[in-house]
Protein backbone atom coordinates (compact mmCIF):
# COMPACT_ATOMS: atom_id res chain seq x y z
CA MET A 1 13.25 23.42 23.38
CA VAL A 2 12.14 23.94 19.80
CA GLU A 3 8.40 24.43 19.27
CA MET A 4 7.02 23.30 15.93
CA LYS A 5 3.61 24.40 14.65
CA GLU A 6 2.91 20.75 13.74
CA TRP A 7 2.96 19.97 17.47
CA ASP A 8 0.10 22.37 18.31
CA GLY A 9 -2.66 20.54 20.14
CA PHE A 10 -0.46 17.73 21.46
CA GLU A 11 0.16 17.40 25.20
CA GLY A 12 3.39 16.71 27.03
CA ARG A 13 6.89 18.09 27.11
CA LEU A 14 9.39 15.21 27.31
CA TRP A 15 8.73 13.83 23.82
CA LYS A 16 9.38 17.31 22.39
CA GLU A 17 12.85 17.38 23.93
CA GLU A 18 13.93 13.85 22.99
CA ILE A 19 12.67 10.89 20.97
CA ASN A 20 10.18 9.33 23.36
CA VAL A 21 7.29 7.60 21.61
CA ARG A 22 6.06 5.97 24.81
CA GLN A 23 5.65 9.31 26.55
CA PHE A 24 3.98 10.86 23.50
CA ILE A 25 1.39 8.08 23.44
CA GLN A 26 0.76 8.28 27.18
CA ASP A 27 0.31 12.05 26.99
CA ASN A 28 -1.93 12.10 23.90
CA TYR A 29 -3.85 8.81 23.72
CA THR A 30 -7.64 8.98 24.04
CA PRO A 31 -9.73 5.82 23.72
CA TYR A 32 -12.37 5.69 20.99
CA GLU A 33 -15.84 5.71 22.51
CA GLY A 34 -17.92 5.28 19.33
CA ASP A 35 -19.28 2.28 17.50
CA GLU A 36 -17.88 0.48 14.45
CA SER A 37 -19.97 2.38 11.89
CA PHE A 38 -17.05 4.68 11.04
CA SER A 39 -15.19 1.79 9.40
CA LYS A 40 -18.00 0.38 7.23
CA ASP A 41 -17.27 2.57 4.20
CA LEU A 42 -13.54 2.03 4.57
CA GLN A 43 -14.04 -1.72 4.72
CA LYS A 44 -16.11 -1.65 1.51
CA LEU A 45 -13.44 0.47 -0.16
CA GLN A 46 -10.70 -1.95 0.88
CA ILE A 47 -12.65 -4.92 -0.49
CA SER A 48 -13.31 -3.08 -3.75
CA PHE A 49 -9.64 -2.12 -4.08
CA GLY A 50 -8.59 -5.71 -3.38
CA GLU A 51 -10.86 -7.04 -6.12
CA HIS A 52 -9.64 -4.40 -8.55
CA PHE A 53 -6.01 -5.20 -7.76
CA ARG A 54 -6.53 -8.95 -8.21
CA ASN A 55 -8.20 -8.37 -11.59
CA PHE A 56 -5.40 -6.01 -12.65
CA ARG A 57 -2.76 -8.53 -11.60
CA LYS A 58 -4.53 -11.37 -13.40
CA LYS A 59 -4.66 -9.33 -16.63
CA LYS A 60 -0.97 -8.45 -16.27
CA GLU A 61 -0.08 -12.12 -15.80
CA GLN A 62 -2.12 -13.09 -18.87
CA LYS A 63 -0.41 -10.38 -20.90
CA ALA A 64 3.02 -11.56 -19.72
CA GLU A 65 2.17 -15.15 -20.68
CA CYS A 66 1.07 -14.00 -24.12
CA LEU A 67 4.26 -11.98 -24.64
CA THR A 68 6.36 -14.94 -23.54
CA TRP A 69 4.56 -17.15 -26.04
CA ILE A 70 5.06 -14.57 -28.82
CA GLN A 71 8.79 -14.32 -27.99
CA ARG A 72 9.18 -18.09 -28.11
CA LEU A 73 7.34 -18.26 -31.39
CA TYR A 74 9.51 -15.46 -32.80
CA HIS A 75 12.77 -17.16 -31.74
CA GLN A 76 11.57 -20.49 -33.07
CA SER A 77 10.71 -18.95 -36.43
CA LEU A 78 14.16 -17.29 -36.55
CA ARG A 79 15.81 -20.66 -35.98
CA MET A 80 13.70 -22.21 -38.71
CA MET A 81 14.67 -19.44 -41.14
CA GLN A 82 18.37 -19.96 -40.33
CA ASP A 83 18.03 -23.63 -41.18
CA ILE A 84 16.69 -22.80 -44.67
């Protein structure tokens, strides 16, 4: 059996010898006994990131619409110049 330093602190033997996620979880799972306060900051961060991403995406969409309009205008003006 190969021992990896990344495995230090984990219990069990079977999952080290073969791929056995079920056994790993059974050997190493400990229920969380605290309250929900640990996730408050993370939740605020996720909301902030979501708002930032939506704003970024909206600006990108507006920029793409503008570039599309400019391309159409450019092609239309080329056609008009060819007709002259």
